[in-house]
Amino acid sequence: IAIPKPAKPSGDPKIYRPISLLCVSFKILERLIYARVDPLLP
């Protein structure tokens, strides 16, 4: 979803802030993997 930044002209594509909505199942899988990987990161 492209959300425009406040008080900016809407004609410029660079002023939009993208928000990505993922499938809930995918997000749960990401968090499970992150929980195992995070302690190993420097």
ModelCIF file with pLDDT and N, C-alpha, C, O atoms, coordinates in Angstrom:
data_MODEL
#
_entry.id   MODEL 
#
_entity.id                         1 
_entity.type                       polymer 
_entity.pdbx_number_of_molecules   1 
#
_entity_poly.entity_id                      1 
_entity_poly.type                           'polypeptide(L)' 
_entity_poly.nstd_linkage                   no 
_entity_poly.nstd_monomer                   no 
_entity_poly.pdbx_seq_one_letter_code       IAIPKPAKPSGDPKIYRPISLLCVSFKILERLIYARVDPLLP 
_entity_poly.pdbx_seq_one_letter_code_can   IAIPKPAKPSGDPKIYRPISLLCVSFKILERLIYARVDPLLP 
_entity_poly.pdbx_strand_id                 A 
#
loop_
_entity_poly_seq.entity_id 
_entity_poly_seq.num 
_entity_poly_seq.mon_id 
_entity_poly_seq.hetero 
1 1  ILE n 
1 2  ALA n 
1 3  ILE n 
1 4  PRO n 
1 5  LYS n 
1 6  PRO n 
1 7  ALA n 
1 8  LYS n 
1 9  PRO n 
1 10 SER n 
1 11 GLY n 
1 12 ASP n 
1 13 PRO n 
1 14 LYS n 
1 15 ILE n 
1 16 TYR n 
1 17 ARG n 
1 18 PRO n 
1 19 ILE n 
1 20 SER n 
1 21 LEU n 
1 22 LEU n 
1 23 CYS n 
1 24 VAL n 
1 25 SER n 
1 26 PHE n 
1 27 LYS n 
1 28 ILE n 
1 29 LEU n 
1 30 GLU n 
1 31 ARG n 
1 32 LEU n 
1 33 ILE n 
1 34 TYR n 
1 35 ALA n 
1 36 ARG n 
1 37 VAL n 
1 38 ASP n 
1 39 PRO n 
1 40 LEU n 
1 41 LEU n 
1 42 PRO n 
#
_struct_asym.id          A 
_struct_asym.entity_id   1 
#
loop_
_ma_qa_metric.id 
_ma_qa_metric.mode 
_ma_qa_metric.name 
_ma_qa_metric.software_group_id 
_ma_qa_metric.type 
1 global pLDDT . pLDDT 
2 local  pLDDT . pLDDT 
#
_ma_qa_metric_global.metric_id      1 
_ma_qa_metric_global.metric_value   81.88 
_ma_qa_metric_global.model_id       1 
_ma_qa_metric_global.ordinal_id     1 
#
loop_
_ma_qa_metric_local.label_asym_id 
_ma_qa_metric_local.label_comp_id 
_ma_qa_metric_local.label_seq_id 
_ma_qa_metric_local.metric_id 
_ma_qa_metric_local.metric_value 
_ma_qa_metric_local.model_id 
_ma_qa_metric_local.ordinal_id 
A ILE 1  2 85.00 1 1  
A ALA 2  2 83.00 1 2  
A ILE 3  2 82.00 1 3  
A PRO 4  2 80.00 1 4  
A LYS 5  2 81.00 1 5  
A PRO 6  2 82.00 1 6  
A ALA 7  2 78.00 1 7  
A LYS 8  2 76.00 1 8  
A PRO 9  2 73.00 1 9  
A SER 10 2 69.00 1 10 
A GLY 11 2 71.00 1 11 
A ASP 12 2 73.00 1 12 
A PRO 13 2 72.00 1 13 
A LYS 14 2 75.00 1 14 
A ILE 15 2 79.00 1 15 
A TYR 16 2 80.00 1 16 
A ARG 17 2 81.00 1 17 
A PRO 18 2 81.00 1 18 
A ILE 19 2 84.00 1 19 
A SER 20 2 83.00 1 20 
A LEU 21 2 87.00 1 21 
A LEU 22 2 86.00 1 22 
A CYS 23 2 88.00 1 23 
A VAL 24 2 91.00 1 24 
A SER 25 2 91.00 1 25 
A PHE 26 2 89.00 1 26 
A LYS 27 2 88.00 1 27 
A ILE 28 2 91.00 1 28 
A LEU 29 2 89.00 1 29 
A GLU 30 2 87.00 1 30 
A ARG 31 2 87.00 1 31 
A LEU 32 2 88.00 1 32 
A ILE 33 2 87.00 1 33 
A TYR 34 2 84.00 1 34 
A ALA 35 2 85.00 1 35 
A ARG 36 2 84.00 1 36 
A VAL 37 2 83.00 1 37 
A ASP 38 2 80.00 1 38 
A PRO 39 2 80.00 1 39 
A LEU 40 2 79.00 1 40 
A LEU 41 2 74.00 1 41 
A PRO 42 2 73.00 1 42 
#
loop_
_atom_site.group_PDB 
_atom_site.id 
_atom_site.type_symbol 
_atom_site.label_atom_id 
_atom_site.label_alt_id 
_atom_site.label_comp_id 
_atom_site.label_asym_id 
_atom_site.label_entity_id 
_atom_site.label_seq_id 
_atom_site.pdbx_PDB_ins_code 
_atom_site.Cartn_x 
_atom_site.Cartn_y 
_atom_site.Cartn_z 
_atom_site.occupancy 
_atom_site.B_iso_or_equiv 
_atom_site.pdbx_formal_charge 
_atom_site.auth_seq_id 
_atom_site.auth_comp_id 
_atom_site.auth_asym_id 
_atom_site.auth_atom_id 
_atom_site.pdbx_PDB_model_num 
ATOM 1   N N  . ILE A 1 1  ? 0.857  -1.181  0.000  1.00 85.00 ? 1  ILE A N  1 
ATOM 2   C CA . ILE A 1 1  ? 0.000  0.000   0.000  1.00 85.00 ? 1  ILE A CA 1 
ATOM 3   C C  . ILE A 1 1  ? 0.895  1.233   0.000  1.00 85.00 ? 1  ILE A C  1 
ATOM 4   O O  . ILE A 1 1  ? 1.772  1.372   0.852  1.00 85.00 ? 1  ILE A O  1 
ATOM 5   N N  . ALA A 1 2  ? 0.669  2.124   -0.956 1.00 83.00 ? 2  ALA A N  1 
ATOM 6   C CA . ALA A 1 2  ? 1.453  3.355   -1.072 1.00 83.00 ? 2  ALA A CA 1 
ATOM 7   C C  . ALA A 1 2  ? 0.730  4.471   -0.320 1.00 83.00 ? 2  ALA A C  1 
ATOM 8   O O  . ALA A 1 2  ? -0.353 4.901   -0.716 1.00 83.00 ? 2  ALA A O  1 
ATOM 9   N N  . ILE A 1 3  ? 1.339  4.928   0.758  1.00 82.00 ? 3  ILE A N  1 
ATOM 10  C CA . ILE A 1 3  ? 0.741  5.994   1.570  1.00 82.00 ? 3  ILE A CA 1 
ATOM 11  C C  . ILE A 1 3  ? 1.577  7.263   1.372  1.00 82.00 ? 3  ILE A C  1 
ATOM 12  O O  . ILE A 1 3  ? 2.785  7.244   1.609  1.00 82.00 ? 3  ILE A O  1 
ATOM 13  N N  . PRO A 1 4  ? 0.949  8.368   0.940  1.00 80.00 ? 4  PRO A N  1 
ATOM 14  C CA . PRO A 1 4  ? 1.726  9.604   0.719  1.00 80.00 ? 4  PRO A CA 1 
ATOM 15  C C  . PRO A 1 4  ? 2.184  10.213  2.043  1.00 80.00 ? 4  PRO A C  1 
ATOM 16  O O  . PRO A 1 4  ? 1.468  10.178  3.044  1.00 80.00 ? 4  PRO A O  1 
ATOM 17  N N  . LYS A 1 5  ? 3.397  10.772  2.021  1.00 81.00 ? 5  LYS A N  1 
ATOM 18  C CA . LYS A 1 5  ? 3.901  11.480  3.198  1.00 81.00 ? 5  LYS A CA 1 
ATOM 19  C C  . LYS A 1 5  ? 3.083  12.747  3.375  1.00 81.00 ? 5  LYS A C  1 
ATOM 20  O O  . LYS A 1 5  ? 2.646  13.342  2.390  1.00 81.00 ? 5  LYS A O  1 
ATOM 21  N N  . PRO A 1 6  ? 2.869  13.169  4.619  1.00 82.00 ? 6  PRO A N  1 
ATOM 22  C CA . PRO A 1 6  ? 2.034  14.355  4.849  1.00 82.00 ? 6  PRO A CA 1 
ATOM 23  C C  . PRO A 1 6  ? 2.647  15.631  4.262  1.00 82.00 ? 6  PRO A C  1 
ATOM 24  O O  . PRO A 1 6  ? 3.866  15.807  4.247  1.00 82.00 ? 6  PRO A O  1 
ATOM 25  N N  . ALA A 1 7  ? 1.787  16.495  3.790  1.00 78.00 ? 7  ALA A N  1 
ATOM 26  C CA . ALA A 1 7  ? 2.151  17.825  3.274  1.00 78.00 ? 7  ALA A CA 1 
ATOM 27  C C  . ALA A 1 7  ? 3.145  17.775  2.119  1.00 78.00 ? 7  ALA A C  1 
ATOM 28  O O  . ALA A 1 7  ? 4.006  18.647  2.005  1.00 78.00 ? 7  ALA A O  1 
ATOM 29  N N  . LYS A 1 8  ? 3.034  16.765  1.266  1.00 76.00 ? 8  LYS A N  1 
ATOM 30  C CA . LYS A 1 8  ? 3.889  16.661  0.082  1.00 76.00 ? 8  LYS A CA 1 
ATOM 31  C C  . LYS A 1 8  ? 2.990  16.574  -1.147 1.00 76.00 ? 8  LYS A C  1 
ATOM 32  O O  . LYS A 1 8  ? 1.875  16.060  -1.060 1.00 76.00 ? 8  LYS A O  1 
ATOM 33  N N  . PRO A 1 9  ? 3.466  17.074  -2.300 1.00 73.00 ? 9  PRO A N  1 
ATOM 34  C CA . PRO A 1 9  ? 2.654  16.983  -3.525 1.00 73.00 ? 9  PRO A CA 1 
ATOM 35  C C  . PRO A 1 9  ? 2.525  15.519  -3.964 1.00 73.00 ? 9  PRO A C  1 
ATOM 36  O O  . PRO A 1 9  ? 3.520  14.799  -4.032 1.00 73.00 ? 9  PRO A O  1 
ATOM 37  N N  . SER A 1 10 ? 1.311  15.089  -4.258 1.00 69.00 ? 10 SER A N  1 
ATOM 38  C CA . SER A 1 10 ? 1.062  13.672  -4.549 1.00 69.00 ? 10 SER A CA 1 
ATOM 39  C C  . SER A 1 10 ? 1.531  13.226  -5.935 1.00 69.00 ? 10 SER A C  1 
ATOM 40  O O  . SER A 1 10 ? 1.473  12.034  -6.235 1.00 69.00 ? 10 SER A O  1 
ATOM 41  N N  . GLY A 1 11 ? 1.986  14.126  -6.775 1.00 71.00 ? 11 GLY A N  1 
ATOM 42  C CA . GLY A 1 11 ? 2.417  13.758  -8.115 1.00 71.00 ? 11 GLY A CA 1 
ATOM 43  C C  . GLY A 1 11 ? 3.770  13.080  -8.176 1.00 71.00 ? 11 GLY A C  1 
ATOM 44  O O  . GLY A 1 11 ? 4.070  12.426  -9.175 1.00 71.00 ? 11 GLY A O  1 
ATOM 45  N N  . ASP A 1 12 ? 4.602  13.208  -7.149 1.00 73.00 ? 12 ASP A N  1 
ATOM 46  C CA . ASP A 1 12 ? 5.945  12.645  -7.150 1.00 73.00 ? 12 ASP A CA 1 
ATOM 47  C C  . ASP A 1 12 ? 5.931  11.256  -6.510 1.00 73.00 ? 12 ASP A C  1 
ATOM 48  O O  . ASP A 1 12 ? 5.563  11.130  -5.342 1.00 73.00 ? 12 ASP A O  1 
ATOM 49  N N  . PRO A 1 13 ? 6.321  10.213  -7.242 1.00 72.00 ? 13 PRO A N  1 
ATOM 50  C CA . PRO A 1 13 ? 6.297  8.863   -6.680 1.00 72.00 ? 13 PRO A CA 1 
ATOM 51  C C  . PRO A 1 13 ? 7.216  8.684   -5.467 1.00 72.00 ? 13 PRO A C  1 
ATOM 52  O O  . PRO A 1 13 ? 6.996  7.785   -4.655 1.00 72.00 ? 13 PRO A O  1 
ATOM 53  N N  . LYS A 1 14 ? 8.239  9.530   -5.337 1.00 75.00 ? 14 LYS A N  1 
ATOM 54  C CA . LYS A 1 14 ? 9.185  9.393   -4.227 1.00 75.00 ? 14 LYS A CA 1 
ATOM 55  C C  . LYS A 1 14 ? 8.600  9.787   -2.878 1.00 75.00 ? 14 LYS A C  1 
ATOM 56  O O  . LYS A 1 14 ? 9.186  9.476   -1.841 1.00 75.00 ? 14 LYS A O  1 
ATOM 57  N N  . ILE A 1 15 ? 7.460  10.463  -2.873 1.00 79.00 ? 15 ILE A N  1 
ATOM 58  C CA . ILE A 1 15 ? 6.897  10.914  -1.594 1.00 79.00 ? 15 ILE A CA 1 
ATOM 59  C C  . ILE A 1 15 ? 6.011  9.850   -0.940 1.00 79.00 ? 15 ILE A C  1 
ATOM 60  O O  . ILE A 1 15 ? 5.486  10.068  0.151  1.00 79.00 ? 15 ILE A O  1 
ATOM 61  N N  . TYR A 1 16 ? 5.845  8.708   -1.598 1.00 80.00 ? 16 TYR A N  1 
ATOM 62  C CA . TYR A 1 16 ? 5.000  7.659   -1.045 1.00 80.00 ? 16 TYR A CA 1 
ATOM 63  C C  . TYR A 1 16 ? 5.802  6.715   -0.155 1.00 80.00 ? 16 TYR A C  1 
ATOM 64  O O  . TYR A 1 16 ? 6.934  6.352   -0.475 1.00 80.00 ? 16 TYR A O  1 
ATOM 65  N N  . ARG A 1 17 ? 5.214  6.336   0.936  1.00 81.00 ? 17 ARG A N  1 
ATOM 66  C CA . ARG A 1 17 ? 5.819  5.397   1.878  1.00 81.00 ? 17 ARG A CA 1 
ATOM 67  C C  . ARG A 1 17 ? 5.124  4.048   1.683  1.00 81.00 ? 17 ARG A C  1 
ATOM 68  O O  . ARG A 1 17 ? 3.923  3.934   1.926  1.00 81.00 ? 17 ARG A O  1 
ATOM 69  N N  . PRO A 1 18 ? 5.875  3.013   1.242  1.00 81.00 ? 18 PRO A N  1 
ATOM 70  C CA . PRO A 1 18 ? 5.225  1.725   1.017  1.00 81.00 ? 18 PRO A CA 1 
ATOM 71  C C  . PRO A 1 18 ? 5.053  0.939   2.325  1.00 81.00 ? 18 PRO A C  1 
ATOM 72  O O  . PRO A 1 18 ? 5.972  0.859   3.140  1.00 81.00 ? 18 PRO A O  1 
ATOM 73  N N  . ILE A 1 19 ? 3.890  0.375   2.503  1.00 84.00 ? 19 ILE A N  1 
ATOM 74  C CA . ILE A 1 19 ? 3.597  -0.501  3.635  1.00 84.00 ? 19 ILE A CA 1 
ATOM 75  C C  . ILE A 1 19 ? 3.269  -1.861  3.041  1.00 84.00 ? 19 ILE A C  1 
ATOM 76  O O  . ILE A 1 19 ? 2.383  -1.974  2.194  1.00 84.00 ? 19 ILE A O  1 
ATOM 77  N N  . SER A 1 20 ? 3.974  -2.887  3.480  1.00 83.00 ? 20 SER A N  1 
ATOM 78  C CA . SER A 1 20 ? 3.785  -4.218  2.927  1.00 83.00 ? 20 SER A CA 1 
ATOM 79  C C  . SER A 1 20 ? 3.007  -5.085  3.914  1.00 83.00 ? 20 SER A C  1 
ATOM 80  O O  . SER A 1 20 ? 3.413  -5.253  5.064  1.00 83.00 ? 20 SER A O  1 
ATOM 81  N N  . LEU A 1 21 ? 1.893  -5.626  3.452  1.00 87.00 ? 21 LEU A N  1 
ATOM 82  C CA . LEU A 1 21 ? 1.073  -6.515  4.268  1.00 87.00 ? 21 LEU A CA 1 
ATOM 83  C C  . LEU A 1 21 ? 1.259  -7.946  3.761  1.00 87.00 ? 21 LEU A C  1 
ATOM 84  O O  . LEU A 1 21 ? 0.936  -8.272  2.619  1.00 87.00 ? 21 LEU A O  1 
ATOM 85  N N  . LEU A 1 22 ? 1.789  -8.785  4.648  1.00 86.00 ? 22 LEU A N  1 
ATOM 86  C CA . LEU A 1 22 ? 2.065  -10.173 4.286  1.00 86.00 ? 22 LEU A CA 1 
ATOM 87  C C  . LEU A 1 22 ? 1.037  -11.110 4.889  1.00 86.00 ? 22 LEU A C  1 
ATOM 88  O O  . LEU A 1 22 ? 0.309  -10.740 5.810  1.00 86.00 ? 22 LEU A O  1 
ATOM 89  N N  . CYS A 1 23 ? 0.984  -12.299 4.375  1.00 88.00 ? 23 CYS A N  1 
ATOM 90  C CA . CYS A 1 23 ? 0.129  -13.352 4.892  1.00 88.00 ? 23 CYS A CA 1 
ATOM 91  C C  . CYS A 1 23 ? 0.507  -13.646 6.352  1.00 88.00 ? 23 CYS A C  1 
ATOM 92  O O  . CYS A 1 23 ? 1.691  -13.707 6.682  1.00 88.00 ? 23 CYS A O  1 
ATOM 93  N N  . VAL A 1 24 ? -0.478 -13.825 7.211  1.00 91.00 ? 24 VAL A N  1 
ATOM 94  C CA . VAL A 1 24 ? -0.236 -14.069 8.637  1.00 91.00 ? 24 VAL A CA 1 
ATOM 95  C C  . VAL A 1 24 ? 0.610  -15.326 8.843  1.00 91.00 ? 24 VAL A C  1 
ATOM 96  O O  . VAL A 1 24 ? 1.501  -15.334 9.692  1.00 91.00 ? 24 VAL A O  1 
ATOM 97  N N  . SER A 1 25 ? 0.346  -16.372 8.086  1.00 91.00 ? 25 SER A N  1 
ATOM 98  C CA . SER A 1 25 ? 1.119  -17.615 8.211  1.00 91.00 ? 25 SER A CA 1 
ATOM 99  C C  . SER A 1 25 ? 2.597  -17.371 7.905  1.00 91.00 ? 25 SER A C  1 
ATOM 100 O O  . SER A 1 25 ? 3.474  -17.906 8.583  1.00 91.00 ? 25 SER A O  1 
ATOM 101 N N  . PHE A 1 26 ? 2.865  -16.561 6.880  1.00 89.00 ? 26 PHE A N  1 
ATOM 102 C CA . PHE A 1 26 ? 4.248  -16.240 6.515  1.00 89.00 ? 26 PHE A CA 1 
ATOM 103 C C  . PHE A 1 26 ? 4.917  -15.447 7.629  1.00 89.00 ? 26 PHE A C  1 
ATOM 104 O O  . PHE A 1 26 ? 6.076  -15.699 7.958  1.00 89.00 ? 26 PHE A O  1 
ATOM 105 N N  . LYS A 1 27 ? 4.200  -14.492 8.213  1.00 88.00 ? 27 LYS A N  1 
ATOM 106 C CA . LYS A 1 27 ? 4.759  -13.681 9.296  1.00 88.00 ? 27 LYS A CA 1 
ATOM 107 C C  . LYS A 1 27 ? 5.074  -14.539 10.528 1.00 88.00 ? 27 LYS A C  1 
ATOM 108 O O  . LYS A 1 27 ? 6.081  -14.314 11.199 1.00 88.00 ? 27 LYS A O  1 
ATOM 109 N N  . ILE A 1 28 ? 4.217  -15.517 10.823 1.00 91.00 ? 28 ILE A N  1 
ATOM 110 C CA . ILE A 1 28 ? 4.480  -16.418 11.950 1.00 91.00 ? 28 ILE A CA 1 
ATOM 111 C C  . ILE A 1 28 ? 5.733  -17.237 11.674 1.00 91.00 ? 28 ILE A C  1 
ATOM 112 O O  . ILE A 1 28 ? 6.576  -17.400 12.555 1.00 91.00 ? 28 ILE A O  1 
ATOM 113 N N  . LEU A 1 29 ? 5.859  -17.750 10.458 1.00 89.00 ? 29 LEU A N  1 
ATOM 114 C CA . LEU A 1 29 ? 7.053  -18.511 10.083 1.00 89.00 ? 29 LEU A CA 1 
ATOM 115 C C  . LEU A 1 29 ? 8.305  -17.646 10.201 1.00 89.00 ? 29 LEU A C  1 
ATOM 116 O O  . LEU A 1 29 ? 9.327  -18.105 10.710 1.00 89.00 ? 29 LEU A O  1 
ATOM 117 N N  . GLU A 1 30 ? 8.233  -16.389 9.731  1.00 87.00 ? 30 GLU A N  1 
ATOM 118 C CA . GLU A 1 30 ? 9.362  -15.464 9.864  1.00 87.00 ? 30 GLU A CA 1 
ATOM 119 C C  . GLU A 1 30 ? 9.784  -15.307 11.318 1.00 87.00 ? 30 GLU A C  1 
ATOM 120 O O  . GLU A 1 30 ? 10.973 -15.356 11.635 1.00 87.00 ? 30 GLU A O  1 
ATOM 121 N N  . ARG A 1 31 ? 8.805  -15.118 12.203 1.00 87.00 ? 31 ARG A N  1 
ATOM 122 C CA . ARG A 1 31 ? 9.112  -14.910 13.627 1.00 87.00 ? 31 ARG A CA 1 
ATOM 123 C C  . ARG A 1 31 ? 9.701  -16.155 14.268 1.00 87.00 ? 31 ARG A C  1 
ATOM 124 O O  . ARG A 1 31 ? 10.584 -16.050 15.119 1.00 87.00 ? 31 ARG A O  1 
ATOM 125 N N  . LEU A 1 32 ? 9.229  -17.328 13.875 1.00 88.00 ? 32 LEU A N  1 
ATOM 126 C CA . LEU A 1 32 ? 9.802  -18.570 14.405 1.00 88.00 ? 32 LEU A CA 1 
ATOM 127 C C  . LEU A 1 32 ? 11.267 -18.709 13.996 1.00 88.00 ? 32 LEU A C  1 
ATOM 128 O O  . LEU A 1 32 ? 12.121 -19.066 14.808 1.00 88.00 ? 32 LEU A O  1 
ATOM 129 N N  . ILE A 1 33 ? 11.538 -18.426 12.745 1.00 87.00 ? 33 ILE A N  1 
ATOM 130 C CA . ILE A 1 33 ? 12.924 -18.507 12.260 1.00 87.00 ? 33 ILE A CA 1 
ATOM 131 C C  . ILE A 1 33 ? 13.774 -17.428 12.914 1.00 87.00 ? 33 ILE A C  1 
ATOM 132 O O  . ILE A 1 33 ? 14.903 -17.690 13.327 1.00 87.00 ? 33 ILE A O  1 
ATOM 133 N N  . TYR A 1 34 ? 13.237 -16.221 13.008 1.00 84.00 ? 34 TYR A N  1 
ATOM 134 C CA . TYR A 1 34 ? 13.990 -15.122 13.630 1.00 84.00 ? 34 TYR A CA 1 
ATOM 135 C C  . TYR A 1 34 ? 14.369 -15.476 15.079 1.00 84.00 ? 34 TYR A C  1 
ATOM 136 O O  . TYR A 1 34 ? 15.481 -15.184 15.519 1.00 84.00 ? 34 TYR A O  1 
ATOM 137 N N  . ALA A 1 35 ? 13.448 -16.099 15.810 1.00 85.00 ? 35 ALA A N  1 
ATOM 138 C CA . ALA A 1 35 ? 13.721 -16.464 17.206 1.00 85.00 ? 35 ALA A CA 1 
ATOM 139 C C  . ALA A 1 35 ? 14.898 -17.434 17.309 1.00 85.00 ? 35 ALA A C  1 
ATOM 140 O O  . ALA A 1 35 ? 15.636 -17.407 18.294 1.00 85.00 ? 35 ALA A O  1 
ATOM 141 N N  . ARG A 1 36 ? 15.079 -18.285 16.304 1.00 84.00 ? 36 ARG A N  1 
ATOM 142 C CA . ARG A 1 36 ? 16.207 -19.232 16.319 1.00 84.00 ? 36 ARG A CA 1 
ATOM 143 C C  . ARG A 1 36 ? 17.498 -18.602 15.819 1.00 84.00 ? 36 ARG A C  1 
ATOM 144 O O  . ARG A 1 36 ? 18.582 -18.968 16.272 1.00 84.00 ? 36 ARG A O  1 
ATOM 145 N N  . VAL A 1 37 ? 17.390 -17.658 14.889 1.00 83.00 ? 37 VAL A N  1 
ATOM 146 C CA . VAL A 1 37 ? 18.579 -17.071 14.259 1.00 83.00 ? 37 VAL A CA 1 
ATOM 147 C C  . VAL A 1 37 ? 19.143 -15.903 15.071 1.00 83.00 ? 37 VAL A C  1 
ATOM 148 O O  . VAL A 1 37 ? 20.361 -15.746 15.160 1.00 83.00 ? 37 VAL A O  1 
ATOM 149 N N  . ASP A 1 38 ? 18.284 -15.096 15.655 1.00 80.00 ? 38 ASP A N  1 
ATOM 150 C CA . ASP A 1 38 ? 18.717 -13.862 16.323 1.00 80.00 ? 38 ASP A CA 1 
ATOM 151 C C  . ASP A 1 38 ? 19.818 -14.062 17.361 1.00 80.00 ? 38 ASP A C  1 
ATOM 152 O O  . ASP A 1 38 ? 20.771 -13.283 17.363 1.00 80.00 ? 38 ASP A O  1 
ATOM 153 N N  . PRO A 1 39 ? 19.741 -15.062 18.244 1.00 80.00 ? 39 PRO A N  1 
ATOM 154 C CA . PRO A 1 39 ? 20.820 -15.220 19.230 1.00 80.00 ? 39 PRO A CA 1 
ATOM 155 C C  . PRO A 1 39 ? 22.180 -15.539 18.611 1.00 80.00 ? 39 PRO A C  1 
ATOM 156 O O  . PRO A 1 39 ? 23.207 -15.364 19.268 1.00 80.00 ? 39 PRO A O  1 
ATOM 157 N N  . LEU A 1 40 ? 22.206 -15.998 17.377 1.00 79.00 ? 40 LEU A N  1 
ATOM 158 C CA . LEU A 1 40 ? 23.454 -16.360 16.706 1.00 79.00 ? 40 LEU A CA 1 
ATOM 159 C C  . LEU A 1 40 ? 24.110 -15.191 15.983 1.00 79.00 ? 40 LEU A C  1 
ATOM 160 O O  . LEU A 1 40 ? 25.265 -15.285 15.567 1.00 79.00 ? 40 LEU A O  1 
ATOM 161 N N  . LEU A 1 41 ? 23.374 -14.083 15.830 1.00 74.00 ? 41 LEU A N  1 
ATOM 162 C CA . LEU A 1 41 ? 23.902 -12.925 15.107 1.00 74.00 ? 41 LEU A CA 1 
ATOM 163 C C  . LEU A 1 41 ? 24.949 -12.198 15.938 1.00 74.00 ? 41 LEU A C  1 
ATOM 164 O O  . LEU A 1 41 ? 24.812 -12.107 17.158 1.00 74.00 ? 41 LEU A O  1 
ATOM 165 N N  . PRO A 1 42 ? 25.999 -11.677 15.294 1.00 73.00 ? 42 PRO A N  1 
ATOM 166 C CA . PRO A 1 42 ? 26.984 -10.886 16.040 1.00 73.00 ? 42 PRO A CA 1 
ATOM 167 C C  . PRO A 1 42 ? 26.357 -9.603  16.573 1.00 73.00 ? 42 PRO A C  1 
ATOM 168 O O  . PRO A 1 42 ? 27.035 -8.810  17.227 1.00 73.00 ? 42 PRO A O  1 
#
